[in-house]
C-alpha atoms as a PDB file:
ATOM      1  CA  MET A   1     -14.243 107.843-110.444  1.00  0.00           C
ATOM      2  CA  GLU A   2     -17.467 105.952-110.309  1.00  0.00           C
ATOM      3  CA  GLU A   3     -18.150 103.205-112.139  1.00  0.00           C
ATOM      4  CA  LYS A   4     -20.221 104.356-115.281  1.00  0.00           C
ATOM      5  CA  PRO A   5     -23.133 102.086-115.662  1.00  0.00           C
ATOM      6  CA  ASN A   6     -22.860  99.300-118.266  1.00  0.00           C
ATOM      7  CA  ASN A   7     -25.804  99.978-119.490  1.00  0.00           C
ATOM      8  CA  ALA A   8     -25.821 104.036-121.517  1.00  0.00           C
ATOM      9  CA  LEU A   9     -26.530 102.683-124.450  1.00  0.00           C
ATOM     10  CA  VAL A  10     -29.448 101.015-124.734  1.00  0.00           C
ATOM     11  CA  VAL A  11     -31.645 100.563-128.707  1.00  0.00           C
ATOM     12  CA  PHE A  12     -35.420 100.993-129.121  1.00  0.00           C
ATOM     13  CA  GLN A  13     -36.527  99.892-132.918  1.00  0.00           C
ATOM     14  CA  ASP A  14     -32.539  98.994-134.162  1.00  0.00           C
ATOM     15  CA  LYS A  15     -31.924 103.047-133.177  1.00  0.00           C
ATOM     16  CA  LYS A  16     -29.268 103.806-131.071  1.00  0.00           C
ATOM     17  CA  ILE A  17     -30.395 106.373-127.835  1.00  0.00           C
ATOM     18  CA  ARG A  18     -27.752 107.424-125.187  1.00  0.00           C
ATOM     19  CA  ARG A  19     -28.098 107.931-122.247  1.00  0.00           C
ATOM     20  CA  ILE A  20     -26.958 109.136-118.443  1.00  0.00           C
ATOM     21  CA  TRP A  21     -26.724 108.296-114.769  1.00  0.00           C
ATOM     22  CA  HIS A  22     -28.010 111.474-113.727  1.00  0.00           C
ATOM     23  CA  ASN A  23     -28.937 113.403-110.354  1.00  0.00           C
ATOM     24  CA  LYS A  24     -30.370 109.383-109.530  1.00  0.00           C
ATOM     25  CA  GLU A  25     -31.923 108.912-112.574  1.00  0.00           C
ATOM     26  CA  TRP A  26     -31.054 108.140-116.730  1.00  0.00           C
ATOM     27  CA  HIS A  27     -31.013 111.047-119.155  1.00  0.00           C
ATOM     28  CA  PHE A  28     -31.349 111.047-122.394  1.00  0.00           C
ATOM     29  CA  SER A  29     -30.182 112.650-125.930  1.00  0.00           C
ATOM     30  CA  VAL A  30     -32.080 114.761-127.499  1.00  0.00           C
ATOM     31  CA  VAL A  31     -31.017 114.705-130.539  1.00  0.00           C
ATOM     32  CA  ASP A  32     -30.876 110.597-130.680  1.00  0.00           C
ATOM     33  CA  VAL A  33     -34.645 110.064-130.096  1.00  0.00           C
ATOM     34  CA  VAL A  34     -35.441 113.315-132.755  1.00  0.00           C
ATOM     35  CA  GLU A  35     -33.443 110.797-134.651  1.00  0.00           C
ATOM     36  CA  ALA A  36     -35.544 107.414-133.579  1.00  0.00           C
ATOM     37  CA  LEU A  37     -38.731 109.123-134.365  1.00  0.00           C
ATOM     38  CA  THR A  38     -38.558 110.714-136.801  1.00  0.00           C
ATOM     39  CA  ASP A  39     -35.649 108.862-139.058  1.00  0.00           C
ATOM     40  CA  SER A  40     -34.476 112.163-140.018  1.00  0.00           C
ATOM     41  CA  ALA A  41     -31.422 112.403-142.491  1.00  0.00           C
ATOM     42  CA  ASP A  42     -30.285 115.645-139.978  1.00  0.00           C
ATOM     43  CA  ALA A  43     -31.921 115.548-136.108  1.00  0.00           C
ATOM     44  CA  LYS A  44     -29.277 118.443-134.961  1.00  0.00           C
ATOM     45  CA  ASP A  45     -31.593 120.204-137.579  1.00  0.00           C
ATOM     46  CA  TYR A  46     -34.497 118.939-136.562  1.00  0.00           C
ATOM     47  CA  TRP A  47     -33.747 119.189-133.220  1.00  0.00           C
ATOM     48  CA  TYR A  48     -33.208 123.669-133.645  1.00  0.00           C
ATOM     49  CA  ARG A  49     -35.887 124.148-135.724  1.00  0.00           C
ATOM     50  CA  LEU A  50     -38.025 122.498-133.384  1.00  0.00           C
ATOM     51  CA  LYS A  51     -37.171 123.855-130.250  1.00  0.00           C
ATOM     52  CA  LYS A  52     -37.455 127.234-132.000  1.00  0.00           C
ATOM     53  CA  ARG A  53     -41.293 126.001-133.735  1.00  0.00           C
ATOM     54  CA  GLU A  54     -42.590 125.618-130.006  1.00  0.00           C
ATOM     55  CA  GLN A  55     -41.188 129.456-128.999  1.00  0.00           C
ATOM     56  CA  GLU A  56     -43.071 130.772-131.877  1.00  0.00           C
ATOM     57  CA  SER A  57     -46.374 128.923-131.145  1.00  0.00           C
ATOM     58  CA  SER A  58     -46.419 128.438-127.624  1.00  0.00           C
ATOM     59  CA  GLY A  59     -43.947 130.728-126.006  1.00  0.00           C
ATOM     60  CA  THR A  60     -42.287 126.704-124.503  1.00  0.00           C
ATOM     61  CA  GLU A  61     -38.195 126.565-124.115  1.00  0.00           C
ATOM     62  CA  LEU A  62     -37.794 123.347-124.865  1.00  0.00           C
ATOM     63  CA  SER A  63     -34.094 124.049-124.290  1.00  0.00           C
ATOM     64  CA  THR A  64     -34.793 125.395-120.889  1.00  0.00           C
ATOM     65  CA  ILE A  65     -35.817 121.436-120.041  1.00  0.00           C
ATOM     66  CA  CYS A  66     -32.257 119.684-120.776  1.00  0.00           C
ATOM     67  CA  ARG A  67     -29.375 119.986-120.154  1.00  0.00           C
ATOM     68  CA  GLN A  68     -25.943 119.704-120.890  1.00  0.00           C
ATOM     69  CA  LEU A  69     -24.243 116.767-119.974  1.00  0.00           C
ATOM     70  CA  LYS A  70     -21.222 115.345-122.064  1.00  0.00           C
ATOM     71  CA  LEU A  71     -21.972 111.655-123.835  1.00  0.00           C
ATOM     72  CA  PRO A  72     -20.089 110.190-126.425  1.00  0.00           C
ATOM     73  CA  SER A  73     -19.642 110.641-130.356  1.00  0.00           C
ATOM     74  CA  ALA A  74     -18.751 109.143-133.153  1.00  0.00           C
ATOM     75  CA  ASP A  75     -14.921 109.504-133.265  1.00  0.00           C
ATOM     76  CA  GLY A  76     -14.847 108.367-129.734  1.00  0.00           C
ATOM     77  CA  LYS A  77     -14.557 112.032-127.933  1.00  0.00           C
ATOM     78  CA  TYR A  78     -17.064 113.284-125.380  1.00  0.00           C
ATOM     79  CA  TYR A  79     -18.996 116.913-126.421  1.00  0.00           C
ATOM     80  CA  ALA A  80     -21.932 118.322-124.080  1.00  0.00           C
ATOM     81  CA  THR A  81     -24.758 116.669-125.425  1.00  0.00           C
ATOM     82  CA  ASP A  82     -28.181 118.384-124.902  1.00  0.00           C
ATOM     83  CA  CYS A  83     -29.893 115.654-122.600  1.00  0.00           C
ATOM     84  CA  ALA A  84     -34.018 115.308-120.816  1.00  0.00           C
ATOM     85  CA  SER A  85     -34.674 112.890-118.399  1.00  0.00           C
ATOM     86  CA  THR A  86     -37.444 110.495-118.311  1.00  0.00           C
ATOM     87  CA  LYS A  87     -40.134 113.154-117.052  1.00  0.00           C
ATOM     88  CA  ASP A  88     -38.535 116.301-119.610  1.00  0.00           C
ATOM     89  CA  MET A  89     -38.525 114.263-122.678  1.00  0.00           C
ATOM     90  CA  PHE A  90     -42.271 113.552-122.408  1.00  0.00           C
ATOM     91  CA  ARG A  91     -43.213 116.443-122.635  1.00  0.00           C
ATOM     92  CA  ILE A  92     -39.845 117.156-125.644  1.00  0.00           C
ATOM     93  CA  ILE A  93     -41.659 113.591-128.027  1.00  0.00           C
ATOM     94  CA  GLN A  94     -45.509 115.497-126.642  1.00  0.00           C
ATOM     95  CA  SER A  95     -43.971 118.426-129.439  1.00  0.00           C
ATOM     96  CA  ILE A  96     -42.919 115.557-132.698  1.00  0.00           C
ATOM     97  CA  PRO A  97     -45.405 114.156-134.934  1.00  0.00           C
ATOM     98  CA  SER A  98     -44.131 110.402-135.417  1.00  0.00           C
ATOM     99  CA  LYS A  99     -46.374 107.283-135.187  1.00  0.00           C
ATOM    100  CA  LYS A 100     -43.557 105.571-133.193  1.00  0.00           C
ATOM    101  CA  ALA A 101     -44.585 108.380-130.215  1.00  0.00           C
ATOM    102  CA  GLU A 102     -46.644 105.441-127.918  1.00  0.00           C
ATOM    103  CA  PRO A 103     -44.357 103.279-128.717  1.00  0.00           C
ATOM    104  CA  PHE A 104     -41.193 105.079-127.720  1.00  0.00           C
ATOM    105  CA  LYS A 105     -42.566 106.534-124.584  1.00  0.00           C
ATOM    106  CA  GLN A 106     -43.656 103.041-123.641  1.00  0.00           C
ATOM    107  CA  TRP A 107     -40.601 101.985-124.213  1.00  0.00           C
ATOM    108  CA  LEU A 108     -38.748 104.773-122.464  1.00  0.00           C
ATOM    109  CA  ALA A 109     -41.150 103.985-119.160  1.00  0.00           C
ATOM    110  CA  GLN A 110     -39.226 100.860-119.066  1.00  0.00           C
ATOM    111  CA  VAL A 111     -35.825 101.522-119.625  1.00  0.00           C
ATOM    112  CA  GLY A 112     -36.669 105.063-117.071  1.00  0.00           C
ATOM    113  CA  TYR A 113     -38.167 102.616-114.251  1.00  0.00           C
ATOM    114  CA  GLU A 114     -35.183  99.778-114.765  1.00  0.00           C
ATOM    115  CA  ARG A 115     -32.406 101.766-112.340  1.00  0.00           C
ATOM    116  CA  VAL A 116     -35.194 103.304-110.190  1.00  0.00           C
ATOM    117  CA  GLN A 117     -36.187  99.280-109.278  1.00  0.00           C
ATOM    118  CA  GLU A 118     -32.417  98.910-109.269  1.00  0.00           C
ATOM    119  CA  ILE A 119     -32.884 101.765-106.328  1.00  0.00           C
ATOM    120  CA  GLY A 120     -35.361 100.790-103.838  1.00  0.00           C
ATOM    121  CA  ASN A 121     -33.937  96.962-104.558  1.00  0.00           C
ATOM    122  CA  PRO A 122     -30.238  97.291-105.101  1.00  0.00           C
ATOM    123  CA  GLU A 123     -29.893  92.986-105.386  1.00  0.00           C
ATOM    124  CA  LEU A 124     -31.637  93.553-109.007  1.00  0.00           C
ATOM    125  CA  ALA A 125     -28.704  95.588-109.906  1.00  0.00           C
ATOM    126  CA  GLN A 126     -26.439  92.673-108.537  1.00  0.00           C
ATOM    127  CA  LYS A 127     -28.626  90.270-110.573  1.00  0.00           C
ATOM    128  CA  ARG A 128     -27.897  92.324-113.796  1.00  0.00           C
ATOM    129  CA  MET A 129     -24.614  93.061-113.576  1.00  0.00           C
ATOM    130  CA  LYS A 130     -23.948  88.939-112.604  1.00  0.00           C
ATOM    131  CA  GLU A 131     -26.314  88.104-115.177  1.00  0.00           C
ATOM    132  CA  ILE A 132     -24.569  90.462-117.752  1.00  0.00           C
ATOM    133  CA  TYR A 133     -21.087  89.336-116.695  1.00  0.00           C
ATOM    134  CA  LYS A 134     -21.578  85.649-117.049  1.00  0.00           C
ATOM    135  CA  ALA A 135     -22.798  85.950-120.336  1.00  0.00           C
ATOM    136  CA  LYS A 136     -19.521  87.368-121.631  1.00  0.00           C
ATOM    137  CA  GLY A 137     -18.294  83.952-119.690  1.00  0.00           C
ATOM    138  CA  TYR A 138     -16.110  85.346-116.560  1.00  0.00           C
ATOM    139  CA  SER A 139     -16.545  82.526-113.536  1.00  0.00           C
ATOM    140  CA  ASP A 140     -18.872  82.807-111.101  1.00  0.00           C
ATOM    141  CA  ASP A 141     -16.276  82.753-107.942  1.00  0.00           C
ATOM    142  CA  TRP A 142     -14.865  85.888-110.671  1.00  0.00           C
ATOM    143  CA  ILE A 143     -18.641  87.925-111.136  1.00  0.00           C
ATOM    144  CA  GLU A 144     -18.659  87.451-106.895  1.00  0.00           C
ATOM    145  CA  LYS A 145     -15.186  89.277-106.488  1.00  0.00           C
ATOM    146  CA  ARG A 146     -15.894  91.750-108.959  1.00  0.00           C
ATOM    147  CA  VAL A 147     -19.205  92.445-107.255  1.00  0.00           C
ATOM    148  CA  ARG A 148     -18.271  93.081-103.989  1.00  0.00           C
ATOM    149  CA  GLY A 149     -15.651  94.697-105.449  1.00  0.00           C
ATOM    150  CA  ILE A 150     -17.867  97.420-106.797  1.00  0.00           C
ATOM    151  CA  ALA A 151     -19.582  97.695-103.932  1.00  0.00           C
ATOM    152  CA  ILE A 152     -16.068  98.557-101.288  1.00  0.00           C
ATOM    153  CA  ARG A 153     -15.974 101.539-104.598  1.00  0.00           C
ATOM    154  CA  ASP A 154     -18.994 102.651-103.645  1.00  0.00           C
ATOM    155  CA  GLU A 155     -18.555 102.956-100.824  1.00  0.00           C
ATOM    156  CA  LEU A 156     -15.096 104.719-100.661  1.00  0.00           C
ATOM    157  CA  THR A 157     -16.700 106.771-102.872  1.00  0.00           C
ATOM    158  CA  ASP A 158     -20.138 107.653-100.490  1.00  0.00           C
ATOM    159  CA  GLU A 159     -17.212 108.673 -98.046  1.00  0.00           C
ATOM    160  CA  TRP A 160     -15.106 110.380-100.316  1.00  0.00           C
ATOM    161  CA  LYS A 161     -18.317 112.415-101.017  1.00  0.00           C
ATOM    162  CA  LYS A 162     -19.536 113.413 -97.041  1.00  0.00           C
ATOM    163  CA  ARG A 163     -15.321 114.592 -96.646  1.00  0.00           C
ATOM    164  CA  GLY A 164     -16.012 117.129-100.185  1.00  0.00           C
ATOM    165  CA  ILE A 165     -14.797 115.806-102.476  1.00  0.00           C
ATOM    166  CA  GLN A 166     -16.519 116.284-105.424  1.00  0.00           C
ATOM    167  CA  GLU A 167     -14.755 116.860-108.532  1.00  0.00           C
ATOM    168  CA  GLN A 168     -13.932 114.051-110.706  1.00  0.00           C
ATOM    169  CA  LYS A 169     -10.826 115.468-111.413  1.00  0.00           C
ATOM    170  CA  GLU A 170     -10.063 114.706-107.271  1.00  0.00           C
ATOM    171  CA  PHE A 171     -11.787 111.499-107.168  1.00  0.00           C
ATOM    172  CA  ALA A 172      -9.119 110.137-109.850  1.00  0.00           C
ATOM    173  CA  ILE A 173      -6.015 111.863-108.514  1.00  0.00           C
ATOM    174  CA  LEU A 174      -7.280 109.638-104.883  1.00  0.00           C
ATOM    175  CA  THR A 175      -7.981 106.458-107.165  1.00  0.00           C
ATOM    176  CA  ALA A 176      -4.421 107.214-108.587  1.00  0.00           C
ATOM    177  CA  GLU A 177      -2.876 107.215-105.136  1.00  0.00           C
ATOM    178  CA  ILE A 178      -4.479 104.175-103.909  1.00  0.00           C
ATOM    179  CA  SER A 179      -3.680 102.392-107.383  1.00  0.00           C
ATOM    180  CA  LYS A 180       0.367 103.432-107.060  1.00  0.00           C
ATOM    181  CA  ALA A 181       0.527 102.449-103.527  1.00  0.00           C
ATOM    182  CA  THR A 182      -1.090  98.850-103.539  1.00  0.00           C
ATOM    183  CA  PHE A 183       0.310  97.829-107.333  1.00  0.00           C
ATOM    184  CA  GLY A 184       3.407 100.665-107.855  1.00  0.00           C
ATOM    185  CA  MET A 185       1.233 101.904-110.530  1.00  0.00           C
ATOM    186  CA  THR A 186      -1.437 104.366-111.592  1.00  0.00           C
ATOM    187  CA  PRO A 187      -4.632 103.384-113.436  1.00  0.00           C
ATOM    188  CA  LYS A 188      -3.746 104.476-116.348  1.00  0.00           C
ATOM    189  CA  GLU A 189      -0.480 102.491-115.846  1.00  0.00           C
ATOM    190  CA  TYR A 190      -1.595  99.428-115.407  1.00  0.00           C
ATOM    191  CA  GLN A 191      -4.478  99.739-118.775  1.00  0.00           C
ATOM    192  CA  LYS A 192      -0.823 100.540-120.798  1.00  0.00           C
ATOM    193  CA  PHE A 193       0.199  97.149-118.808  1.00  0.00           C
ATOM    194  CA  LYS A 194      -2.234  95.003-119.660  1.00  0.00           C
ATOM    195  CA  GLY A 195      -2.981  95.806-123.091  1.00  0.00           C
ATOM    196  CA  LEU A 196      -6.274  98.745-122.693  1.00  0.00           C
ATOM    197  CA  ASP A 197      -7.829 100.794-124.220  1.00  0.00           C
ATOM    198  CA  LYS A 198     -11.012 102.440-123.472  1.00  0.00           C
ATOM    199  CA  GLU A 199     -11.364  98.936-120.925  1.00  0.00           C
ATOM    200  CA  ASN A 200     -12.978  98.664-117.684  1.00  0.00           C
ATOM    201  CA  LEU A 201      -9.128  98.033-115.795  1.00  0.00           C
ATOM    202  CA  ARG A 202     -11.534  96.055-113.052  1.00  0.00           C
ATOM    203  CA  ASP A 203     -13.169  93.665-115.707  1.00  0.00           C
ATOM    204  CA  HIS A 204      -9.439  92.820-116.766  1.00  0.00           C
ATOM    205  CA  MET A 205      -8.729  91.908-113.988  1.00  0.00           C
ATOM    206  CA  ASP A 206      -7.301  88.814-111.769  1.00  0.00           C
ATOM    207  CA  ASP A 207      -9.224  86.932-108.376  1.00  0.00           C
ATOM    208  CA  LEU A 208      -5.266  88.125-106.584  1.00  0.00           C
ATOM    209  CA  GLU A 209      -5.200  91.724-108.609  1.00  0.00           C
ATOM    210  CA  LEU A 210      -9.302  91.731-107.462  1.00  0.00           C
ATOM    211  CA  ILE A 211      -8.875  91.147-104.166  1.00  0.00           C
ATOM    212  CA  PHE A 212      -5.404  93.845-103.127  1.00  0.00           C
ATOM    213  CA  SER A 213      -7.665  96.616-105.082  1.00  0.00           C
ATOM    214  CA  MET A 214     -10.356  95.739-103.084  1.00  0.00           C
ATOM    215  CA  LEU A 215      -8.571  95.940 -99.502  1.00  0.00           C
ATOM    216  CA  GLY A 216      -6.345  98.869-100.584  1.00  0.00           C
ATOM    217  CA  GLU A 217      -9.649 100.551-100.952  1.00  0.00           C
ATOM    218  CA  ARG A 218     -11.641  98.850 -98.098  1.00  0.00           C
ATOM    219  CA  ALA A 219      -8.522  99.997 -95.268  1.00  0.00           C
ATOM    220  CA  THR A 220      -8.310 104.095 -97.499  1.00  0.00           C
ATOM    221  CA  THR A 221     -12.898 103.940 -96.252  1.00  0.00           C
ATOM    222  CA  GLU A 222     -11.400 102.943 -92.209  1.00  0.00           C
ATOM    223  CA  ILE A 223      -8.717 105.337 -92.066  1.00  0.00           C
ATOM    224  CA  ALA A 224     -11.155 108.265 -93.547  1.00  0.00           C
ATOM    225  CA  ARG A 225     -13.479 108.083 -91.555  1.00  0.00           C
ATOM    226  CA  THR A 226     -11.026 107.381 -87.331  1.00  0.00           C
ATOM    227  CA  LYS A 227      -9.038 109.765 -89.154  1.00  0.00           C
ATOM    228  CA  ASP A 228     -12.121 111.898 -89.981  1.00  0.00           C
ATOM    229  CA  SER A 229     -10.230 113.250 -93.228  1.00  0.00           C
ATOM    230  CA  ILE A 230     -11.750 116.024 -95.268  1.00  0.00           C
ATOM    231  CA  GLY A 231     -10.220 117.427 -98.136  1.00  0.00           C
ATOM    232  CA  LEU A 232      -8.181 116.467-100.900  1.00  0.00           C
ATOM    233  CA  GLU A 233      -5.338 116.760 -99.340  1.00  0.00           C
ATOM    234  CA  LYS A 234      -6.499 114.036 -95.588  1.00  0.00           C
ATOM    235  CA  ASN A 235      -8.203 112.523 -98.137  1.00  0.00           C
ATOM    236  CA  LYS A 236      -4.785 111.324-100.231  1.00  0.00           C
ATOM    237  CA  ASP A 237      -2.983 110.884 -97.102  1.00  0.00           C
ATOM    238  CA  ALA A 238      -5.592 107.669 -96.511  1.00  0.00           C
ATOM    239  CA  ALA A 239      -5.386 107.084 -99.950  1.00  0.00           C
ATOM    240  CA  ILE A 240      -1.706 105.971 -99.888  1.00  0.00           C
ATOM    241  CA  LYS A 241      -2.071 104.680 -96.498  1.00  0.00           C
ATOM    242  CA  GLY A 242      -4.714 102.418 -97.237  1.00  0.00           C
ATOM    243  CA  GLY A 243      -2.427 101.608-100.375  1.00  0.00           C
ATOM    244  CA  ASN A 244       0.207 101.073 -98.504  1.00  0.00           C
ATOM    245  CA  ILE A 245      -0.993  98.805 -96.591  1.00  0.00           C
ATOM    246  CA  ALA A 246      -3.042  96.092 -99.334  1.00  0.00           C
ATOM    247  CA  GLY A 247       1.156  96.750-101.288  1.00  0.00           C
ATOM    248  CA  ASP A 248       2.763  94.998 -98.473  1.00  0.00           C
ATOM    249  CA  ALA A 249       0.363  92.573 -98.515  1.00  0.00           C
ATOM    250  CA  ARG A 250       0.814  92.182-101.979  1.00  0.00           C
ATOM    251  CA  LYS A 251       5.228  91.867-101.830  1.00  0.00           C
ATOM    252  CA  LYS A 252       4.378  89.911 -99.010  1.00  0.00           C
ATOM    253  CA  LEU A 253       2.442  87.126-101.076  1.00  0.00           C
ATOM    254  CA  GLU A 254       4.516  88.062-103.877  1.00  0.00           C
ATOM    255  CA  ILE A 255       7.938  86.019-101.980  1.00  0.00           C
ATOM    256  CA  GLU A 256       5.727  83.709-100.563  1.00  0.00           C
ATOM    257  CA  THR A 257       5.188  82.455-103.774  1.00  0.00           C
ATOM    258  CA  LYS A 258       7.607  83.675-105.653  1.00  0.00           C
ATOM    259  CA  ARG A 259       4.974  84.563-108.387  1.00  0.00           C
ATOM    260  CA  LYS A 260       3.283  88.795-109.093  1.00  0.00           C
ATOM    261  CA  VAL A 261       0.607  89.600-108.123  1.00  0.00           C
ATOM    262  CA  THR A 262       0.445  91.880-110.839  1.00  0.00           C
ATOM    263  CA  SER A 263      -0.356  90.362-114.626  1.00  0.00           C
ATOM    264  CA  SER A 264       0.044  92.140-118.109  1.00  0.00           C
ATOM    265  CA  GLU A 265      -3.174  89.293-118.956  1.00  0.00           C
ATOM    266  CA  ASN A 266      -6.451  90.552-120.231  1.00  0.00           C
ATOM    267  CA  TYR A 267      -9.798  89.226-120.987  1.00  0.00           C
ATOM    268  CA  LEU A 268     -10.114  90.397-123.587  1.00  0.00           C
ATOM    269  CA  ASP A 269     -10.059  87.626-126.353  1.00  0.00           C
ATOM    270  CA  MET A 270     -11.568  86.041-123.385  1.00  0.00           C
ATOM    271  CA  PRO A 271     -14.941  83.335-125.042  1.00  0.00           C
ATOM    272  CA  GLU A 272     -11.736  81.916-127.494  1.00  0.00           C
ATOM    273  CA  LYS A 273      -9.757  81.564-124.304  1.00  0.00           C
ATOM    274  CA  GLU A 274     -13.049  79.497-122.799  1.00  0.00           C
ATOM    275  CA  LYS A 275     -13.946  77.724-126.775  1.00  0.00           C
ATOM    276  CA  ARG A 276     -10.031  76.996-126.143  1.00  0.00           C
ATOM    277  CA  LYS A 277     -11.070  75.440-122.773  1.00  0.00           C
ATOM    278  CA  GLN A 278     -14.534  73.673-123.338  1.00  0.00           C
ATOM    279  CA  ILE A 279     -12.508  71.452-126.867  1.00  0.00           C
ATOM    280  CA  SER A 280      -9.790  70.733-124.135  1.00  0.00           C
ATOM    281  CA  LYS A 281     -12.377  69.878-121.553  1.00  0.00           C
ATOM    282  CA  LYS A 282     -14.266  67.915-123.857  1.00  0.00           C
ATOM    283  CA  ARG A 283     -10.825  66.171-125.854  1.00  0.00           C
ATOM    284  CA  ASP A 284     -10.573  64.743-122.379  1.00  0.00           C
ATOM    285  CA  ASP A 285     -13.858  63.053-121.365  1.00  0.00           C
ATOM    286  CA  ASN A 286     -13.105  61.455-125.014  1.00  0.00           C
ATOM    287  CA  LYS A 287     -10.065  60.374-123.629  1.00  0.00           C
ATOM    288  CA  ASN A 288     -11.589  59.464-119.973  1.00  0.00           C
ATOM    289  CA  ASP A 289     -14.284  57.745-121.918  1.00  0.00           C
ATOM    290  CA  ARG A 290     -12.504  55.404-123.902  1.00  0.00           C
ATOM    291  CA  THR A 291     -10.098  54.262-121.472  1.00  0.00           C
END
């Protein structure tokens, strides 16, 4: 499954706006924008009446410039939601009488443009990603591996798309095969093993787990290319073989080191761990100063 953007939720003047990356551009929740601009107690009703008013007055059907995309709701589940691209959102804003319209347009142009910049210059995306992870307390070495792993994952999913794998369900099937062959667990089983719920599994892997994830996916990419695998079944075979290469390497390392690569450790309480580590280091420094 493709990595989801880390910044799928943005804020305008304390109002949360959900957005989703679709067809190489951001799409924003129309209801969230309506609520941010109007402070309406019932943004859904306001949007319904706005569409009706525009159709009656100008014959314009605002719903035709929207797409129904699945966004997370307050209950944690995903529902089909009216969303519009940056360009189409500007059109919708024109129909909303609000003093906030102009500052919102400037804000919208900025948050929509950030991803466009990153496409033109991938180094910007990597820089922002590294800054986010560093702010969370991850080490520089870990961040380098995580960023490299994302690049390898993207290369694999691009290869799958070229080979007839389009549906998210099929991406999940192939990813599960690589994970089972590499670690003996599917991603869902691995999440449970680490005590995770909806958190990104790879954000809670240590260095070795990341390295073997990369090896399994990189090997799968090479095998799919070499064998010219087309369709789900042939790519499934490539995924198992790629995962087995990583799995065999993992087992050999475990024999030599006499310890498991897979770990139930996670980074959920990392800030506290880092705090304890810093306190411990300070104590050691003070002890050294006294001696």
